[in-house]
Amino acid sequence: MKRTFAITAALVILILSAIAATVLELPYSLEGKVIAINQLAGTLTVKTDEDLLQSPVEAMGEYTFSIDKMTNIQMCNQNEIFRNGKVGNRIKVIYHEKGSSLIADIISITTPLLACLIE
């Protein structure tokens, strides 16, 4: 009986720990303009004019996101590569926090519809 209780308690603690770890990496999003790209460091800096962000990591203004091989970059409903990014592009970033870093999960380059039709 004591053994069953101990195993059940351990499983409950393990499940609650997994749920807590998942909750801490909630996805957030913001829109803004690319102001810097560092290919070597794999980062992208975005300037936003949104007053209220869901993320408490940084205050309103400039946000630097880490880009990795898991980051999905899209433009005109097609996948793009990080090298094709340009300063001045308007983008929407879906990201999560890991410690004090912002990790980009999806970057959607928002372009005028006409630009998509020309390509």
N, C-alpha and C. Protein backbone atom coordinates (compact mmCIF):
# COMPACT_ATOMS: atom_id res chain seq x y z
N MET A 1 0.82 -1.19 0.00
CA MET A 1 0.00 0.00 0.00
C MET A 1 0.87 1.27 0.00
N LYS A 2 1.88 1.29 0.88
CA LYS A 2 2.77 2.45 0.94
C LYS A 2 3.56 2.59 -0.36
N ARG A 3 3.94 1.46 -0.92
CA ARG A 3 4.69 1.48 -2.18
C ARG A 3 3.83 2.05 -3.30
N THR A 4 2.57 1.64 -3.40
CA THR A 4 1.65 2.14 -4.42
C THR A 4 1.46 3.65 -4.27
N PHE A 5 1.29 4.10 -3.03
CA PHE A 5 1.13 5.53 -2.79
C PHE A 5 2.38 6.30 -3.21
N ALA A 6 3.56 5.79 -2.88
CA ALA A 6 4.81 6.46 -3.23
C ALA A 6 4.99 6.54 -4.74
N ILE A 7 4.67 5.46 -5.45
CA ILE A 7 4.78 5.46 -6.91
C ILE A 7 3.78 6.44 -7.52
N THR A 8 2.55 6.44 -7.02
CA THR A 8 1.53 7.36 -7.52
C THR A 8 1.93 8.81 -7.27
N ALA A 9 2.45 9.10 -6.09
CA ALA A 9 2.88 10.46 -5.76
C ALA A 9 4.03 10.89 -6.67
N ALA A 10 4.97 9.98 -6.91
CA ALA A 10 6.09 10.30 -7.79
C ALA A 10 5.62 10.59 -9.21
N LEU A 11 4.67 9.81 -9.71
CA LEU A 11 4.12 10.05 -11.04
C LEU A 11 3.40 11.38 -11.13
N VAL A 12 2.64 11.71 -10.11
CA VAL A 12 1.93 12.99 -10.10
C VAL A 12 2.92 14.14 -10.12
N ILE A 13 3.97 14.06 -9.33
CA ILE A 13 4.99 15.11 -9.30
C ILE A 13 5.68 15.22 -10.66
N LEU A 14 5.99 14.11 -11.28
CA LEU A 14 6.63 14.10 -12.59
C LEU A 14 5.74 14.74 -13.64
N ILE A 15 4.47 14.40 -13.63
CA ILE A 15 3.52 14.98 -14.60
C ILE A 15 3.36 16.47 -14.37
N LEU A 16 3.23 16.90 -13.13
CA LEU A 16 3.10 18.34 -12.84
C LEU A 16 4.35 19.11 -13.24
N SER A 17 5.52 18.51 -13.06
CA SER A 17 6.77 19.17 -13.48
C SER A 17 6.82 19.34 -15.00
N ALA A 18 6.38 18.33 -15.74
CA ALA A 18 6.36 18.41 -17.20
C ALA A 18 5.38 19.48 -17.66
N ILE A 19 4.24 19.56 -17.02
CA ILE A 19 3.24 20.58 -17.38
C ILE A 19 3.79 21.97 -17.09
N ALA A 20 4.42 22.16 -15.95
CA ALA A 20 4.98 23.46 -15.59
C ALA A 20 6.06 23.88 -16.57
N ALA A 21 6.92 22.96 -16.99
CA ALA A 21 7.98 23.29 -17.95
C ALA A 21 7.39 23.69 -19.29
N THR A 22 6.32 23.04 -19.70
CA THR A 22 5.66 23.38 -20.97
C THR A 22 5.01 24.75 -20.89
N VAL A 23 4.38 25.05 -19.78
CA VAL A 23 3.69 26.33 -19.62
C VAL A 23 4.67 27.49 -19.65
N LEU A 24 5.88 27.29 -19.16
CA LEU A 24 6.86 28.37 -19.12
C LEU A 24 7.36 28.76 -20.50
N GLU A 25 7.15 27.94 -21.51
CA GLU A 25 7.59 28.26 -22.86
C GLU A 25 6.40 28.52 -23.78
N LEU A 26 5.46 29.31 -23.32
CA LEU A 26 4.30 29.65 -24.13
C LEU A 26 4.71 30.45 -25.36
N PRO A 27 4.05 30.26 -26.48
CA PRO A 27 4.37 31.07 -27.65
C PRO A 27 3.74 32.46 -27.54
N TYR A 28 4.47 33.44 -27.99
CA TYR A 28 4.00 34.82 -28.04
C TYR A 28 4.13 35.29 -29.49
N SER A 29 3.60 36.46 -29.79
CA SER A 29 3.79 37.01 -31.13
C SER A 29 3.89 38.53 -31.06
N LEU A 30 4.57 39.07 -32.06
CA LEU A 30 4.60 40.53 -32.22
C LEU A 30 4.88 40.84 -33.68
N GLU A 31 4.52 42.06 -34.06
CA GLU A 31 4.75 42.52 -35.43
C GLU A 31 5.63 43.75 -35.37
N GLY A 32 6.46 43.90 -36.39
CA GLY A 32 7.33 45.06 -36.43
C GLY A 32 8.17 45.08 -37.69
N LYS A 33 9.20 45.92 -37.65
CA LYS A 33 10.07 46.13 -38.80
C LYS A 33 11.47 45.65 -38.45
N VAL A 34 12.10 44.90 -39.37
CA VAL A 34 13.46 44.41 -39.15
C VAL A 34 14.42 45.59 -39.19
N ILE A 35 15.21 45.75 -38.13
CA ILE A 35 16.18 46.85 -38.11
C ILE A 35 17.62 46.35 -38.14
N ALA A 36 17.81 45.04 -37.88
CA ALA A 36 19.17 44.49 -37.94
C ALA A 36 19.10 42.98 -38.13
N ILE A 37 20.04 42.46 -38.92
CA ILE A 37 20.19 41.02 -39.11
C ILE A 37 21.66 40.69 -38.90
N ASN A 38 21.93 39.73 -38.03
CA ASN A 38 23.29 39.28 -37.80
C ASN A 38 23.36 37.82 -38.22
N GLN A 39 23.83 37.59 -39.45
CA GLN A 39 23.91 36.23 -39.98
C GLN A 39 24.84 35.36 -39.15
N LEU A 40 25.96 35.92 -38.72
CA LEU A 40 26.95 35.15 -37.98
C LEU A 40 26.40 34.67 -36.63
N ALA A 41 25.73 35.57 -35.92
CA ALA A 41 25.18 35.21 -34.60
C ALA A 41 23.82 34.52 -34.72
N GLY A 42 23.20 34.59 -35.90
CA GLY A 42 21.89 34.00 -36.08
C GLY A 42 20.81 34.74 -35.32
N THR A 43 20.85 36.08 -35.41
CA THR A 43 19.86 36.89 -34.71
C THR A 43 19.19 37.89 -35.66
N LEU A 44 18.02 38.30 -35.25
CA LEU A 44 17.21 39.24 -36.00
C LEU A 44 16.65 40.24 -35.00
N THR A 45 16.82 41.53 -35.23
CA THR A 45 16.31 42.54 -34.32
C THR A 45 15.13 43.25 -34.97
N VAL A 46 14.05 43.35 -34.21
CA VAL A 46 12.80 43.92 -34.71
C VAL A 46 12.42 45.12 -33.86
N LYS A 47 12.00 46.19 -34.51
CA LYS A 47 11.47 47.37 -33.83
C LYS A 47 9.96 47.33 -33.96
N THR A 48 9.28 47.38 -32.84
CA THR A 48 7.83 47.35 -32.84
C THR A 48 7.27 48.62 -32.25
N ASP A 49 6.07 48.98 -32.67
CA ASP A 49 5.41 50.14 -32.09
C ASP A 49 4.18 49.72 -31.29
N GLU A 50 4.11 48.42 -30.96
CA GLU A 50 3.00 47.95 -30.16
C GLU A 50 3.17 48.44 -28.72
N ASP A 51 2.07 48.85 -28.12
CA ASP A 51 2.11 49.35 -26.75
C ASP A 51 2.15 48.22 -25.73
N LEU A 52 1.49 47.11 -26.06
CA LEU A 52 1.36 46.04 -25.08
C LEU A 52 1.81 44.72 -25.70
N LEU A 53 2.87 44.17 -25.18
CA LEU A 53 3.34 42.87 -25.63
C LEU A 53 2.97 41.84 -24.58
N GLN A 54 2.77 40.61 -25.03
CA GLN A 54 2.43 39.54 -24.10
C GLN A 54 3.65 39.11 -23.30
N SER A 55 4.83 39.34 -23.81
CA SER A 55 6.04 38.86 -23.17
C SER A 55 6.57 39.87 -22.15
N PRO A 56 6.90 39.42 -20.96
CA PRO A 56 7.46 40.32 -19.96
C PRO A 56 8.98 40.45 -20.04
N VAL A 57 9.64 39.78 -21.01
CA VAL A 57 11.11 39.76 -21.05
C VAL A 57 11.69 41.14 -21.33
N GLU A 58 11.15 41.86 -22.29
CA GLU A 58 11.71 43.16 -22.65
C GLU A 58 10.60 44.20 -22.72
N ALA A 59 10.97 45.43 -22.57
CA ALA A 59 10.01 46.52 -22.67
C ALA A 59 9.75 46.84 -24.14
N MET A 60 8.76 47.70 -24.39
CA MET A 60 8.41 48.07 -25.76
C MET A 60 9.63 48.64 -26.49
N GLY A 61 9.74 48.31 -27.75
CA GLY A 61 10.83 48.86 -28.55
C GLY A 61 11.50 47.85 -29.42
N GLU A 62 12.76 47.55 -29.12
CA GLU A 62 13.56 46.65 -29.95
C GLU A 62 13.68 45.28 -29.29
N TYR A 63 13.51 44.26 -30.11
CA TYR A 63 13.56 42.88 -29.62
C TYR A 63 14.50 42.08 -30.51
N THR A 64 15.41 41.35 -29.93
CA THR A 64 16.35 40.52 -30.68
C THR A 64 15.97 39.06 -30.51
N PHE A 65 15.76 38.39 -31.63
CA PHE A 65 15.35 36.99 -31.64
C PHE A 65 16.48 36.11 -32.14
N SER A 66 16.63 34.96 -31.51
CA SER A 66 17.56 33.96 -32.00
C SER A 66 16.87 33.15 -33.08
N ILE A 67 17.60 32.89 -34.16
CA ILE A 67 17.09 32.10 -35.28
C ILE A 67 17.91 30.82 -35.32
N ASP A 68 17.24 29.68 -35.44
CA ASP A 68 17.97 28.42 -35.57
C ASP A 68 17.38 27.60 -36.71
N LYS A 69 17.86 26.38 -36.87
CA LYS A 69 17.41 25.54 -37.98
C LYS A 69 15.94 25.14 -37.86
N MET A 70 15.35 25.28 -36.68
CA MET A 70 13.95 24.95 -36.49
C MET A 70 13.02 26.12 -36.79
N THR A 71 13.57 27.32 -36.99
CA THR A 71 12.76 28.50 -37.28
C THR A 71 12.19 28.40 -38.69
N ASN A 72 10.89 28.57 -38.81
CA ASN A 72 10.21 28.52 -40.10
C ASN A 72 10.02 29.96 -40.58
N ILE A 73 10.61 30.29 -41.73
CA ILE A 73 10.51 31.64 -42.29
C ILE A 73 9.64 31.56 -43.53
N GLN A 74 8.60 32.40 -43.58
CA GLN A 74 7.63 32.36 -44.68
C GLN A 74 7.45 33.73 -45.32
N MET A 75 7.28 33.71 -46.65
CA MET A 75 6.95 34.92 -47.39
C MET A 75 6.11 34.49 -48.59
N CYS A 76 5.00 35.15 -48.82
CA CYS A 76 4.10 34.82 -49.93
C CYS A 76 3.69 33.34 -49.88
N ASN A 77 3.42 32.85 -48.67
CA ASN A 77 3.00 31.47 -48.44
C ASN A 77 4.03 30.44 -48.90
N GLN A 78 5.30 30.83 -48.97
CA GLN A 78 6.37 29.91 -49.33
C GLN A 78 7.46 29.99 -48.27
N ASN A 79 8.19 28.90 -48.09
CA ASN A 79 9.29 28.90 -47.13
C ASN A 79 10.47 29.67 -47.70
N GLU A 80 11.12 30.39 -46.83
CA GLU A 80 12.29 31.18 -47.18
C GLU A 80 13.45 30.74 -46.32
N ILE A 81 14.63 31.24 -46.60
CA ILE A 81 15.79 30.96 -45.76
C ILE A 81 16.24 32.26 -45.12
N PHE A 82 16.95 32.14 -44.01
CA PHE A 82 17.36 33.29 -43.21
C PHE A 82 18.19 34.28 -44.02
N ARG A 83 18.99 33.79 -44.94
CA ARG A 83 19.85 34.68 -45.76
C ARG A 83 19.03 35.66 -46.59
N ASN A 84 17.79 35.30 -46.92
CA ASN A 84 16.98 36.16 -47.79
C ASN A 84 16.30 37.30 -47.04
N GLY A 85 16.44 37.35 -45.72
CA GLY A 85 15.84 38.43 -44.95
C GLY A 85 16.51 39.76 -45.25
N LYS A 86 15.75 40.83 -45.15
CA LYS A 86 16.28 42.16 -45.45
C LYS A 86 15.87 43.14 -44.37
N VAL A 87 16.78 44.05 -44.04
CA VAL A 87 16.45 45.14 -43.12
C VAL A 87 15.36 45.97 -43.78
N GLY A 88 14.36 46.33 -43.01
CA GLY A 88 13.25 47.12 -43.53
C GLY A 88 12.00 46.29 -43.76
N ASN A 89 12.14 44.96 -43.84
CA ASN A 89 10.96 44.10 -44.00
C ASN A 89 10.04 44.23 -42.79
N ARG A 90 8.74 44.22 -43.05
CA ARG A 90 7.76 44.13 -41.96
C ARG A 90 7.51 42.65 -41.73
N ILE A 91 7.54 42.24 -40.47
CA ILE A 91 7.38 40.82 -40.17
C ILE A 91 6.46 40.60 -38.97
N LYS A 92 5.97 39.39 -38.88
CA LYS A 92 5.27 38.93 -37.68
C LYS A 92 6.09 37.75 -37.16
N VAL A 93 6.42 37.77 -35.87
CA VAL A 93 7.23 36.73 -35.26
C VAL A 93 6.41 36.01 -34.20
N ILE A 94 6.36 34.69 -34.30
CA ILE A 94 5.81 33.86 -33.23
C ILE A 94 7.03 33.26 -32.55
N TYR A 95 7.13 33.45 -31.24
CA TYR A 95 8.34 33.08 -30.53
C TYR A 95 8.02 32.54 -29.14
N HIS A 96 9.04 32.01 -28.50
CA HIS A 96 8.93 31.60 -27.11
C HIS A 96 10.17 32.09 -26.37
N GLU A 97 10.06 32.11 -25.08
CA GLU A 97 11.17 32.54 -24.25
C GLU A 97 11.90 31.33 -23.69
N LYS A 98 13.20 31.42 -23.67
CA LYS A 98 14.01 30.41 -23.02
C LYS A 98 15.01 31.15 -22.16
N GLY A 99 14.77 31.16 -20.87
CA GLY A 99 15.56 32.00 -19.98
C GLY A 99 15.26 33.45 -20.30
N SER A 100 16.30 34.20 -20.60
CA SER A 100 16.10 35.61 -20.98
C SER A 100 16.21 35.81 -22.49
N SER A 101 16.23 34.72 -23.25
CA SER A 101 16.35 34.80 -24.72
C SER A 101 14.99 34.65 -25.38
N LEU A 102 14.83 35.30 -26.52
CA LEU A 102 13.64 35.16 -27.34
C LEU A 102 14.00 34.28 -28.53
N ILE A 103 13.33 33.16 -28.69
CA ILE A 103 13.62 32.21 -29.75
C ILE A 103 12.49 32.27 -30.78
N ALA A 104 12.82 32.64 -32.02
CA ALA A 104 11.82 32.73 -33.08
C ALA A 104 11.43 31.33 -33.55
N ASP A 105 10.13 31.06 -33.55
CA ASP A 105 9.62 29.79 -34.06
C ASP A 105 9.15 29.95 -35.51
N ILE A 106 8.37 31.00 -35.76
CA ILE A 106 7.86 31.29 -37.11
C ILE A 106 8.05 32.77 -37.39
N ILE A 107 8.60 33.07 -38.55
CA ILE A 107 8.73 34.46 -39.00
C ILE A 107 7.95 34.57 -40.30
N SER A 108 6.94 35.42 -40.31
CA SER A 108 6.16 35.67 -41.53
C SER A 108 6.52 37.05 -42.03
N ILE A 109 7.12 37.09 -43.22
CA ILE A 109 7.47 38.38 -43.83
C ILE A 109 6.20 38.88 -44.51
N THR A 110 5.68 39.99 -44.02
CA THR A 110 4.44 40.53 -44.55
C THR A 110 4.79 41.48 -45.69
N THR A 111 4.39 41.10 -46.88
CA THR A 111 4.67 41.90 -48.07
C THR A 111 3.36 42.29 -48.72
N PRO A 112 3.37 43.34 -49.51
CA PRO A 112 2.16 43.68 -50.25
C PRO A 112 1.79 42.54 -51.21
N LEU A 113 0.51 42.33 -51.40
CA LEU A 113 0.04 41.26 -52.27
C LEU A 113 0.64 41.36 -53.67
N LEU A 114 0.81 42.57 -54.19
CA LEU A 114 1.36 42.78 -55.52
C LEU A 114 2.77 42.19 -55.63
N ALA A 115 3.59 42.34 -54.57
CA ALA A 115 4.95 41.79 -54.59
C ALA A 115 4.92 40.28 -54.70
N CYS A 116 3.95 39.64 -54.09
CA CYS A 116 3.84 38.17 -54.19
C CYS A 116 3.42 37.74 -55.58
N LEU A 117 2.59 38.52 -56.24
CA LEU A 117 2.12 38.16 -57.58
C LEU A 117 3.20 38.34 -58.62
N ILE A 118 4.11 39.30 -58.45
CA ILE A 118 5.17 39.58 -59.41
C ILE A 118 6.21 38.48 -59.41
N GLU A 119 6.50 37.91 -58.24
CA GLU A 119 7.56 36.90 -58.15
C GLU A 119 7.18 35.62 -58.79
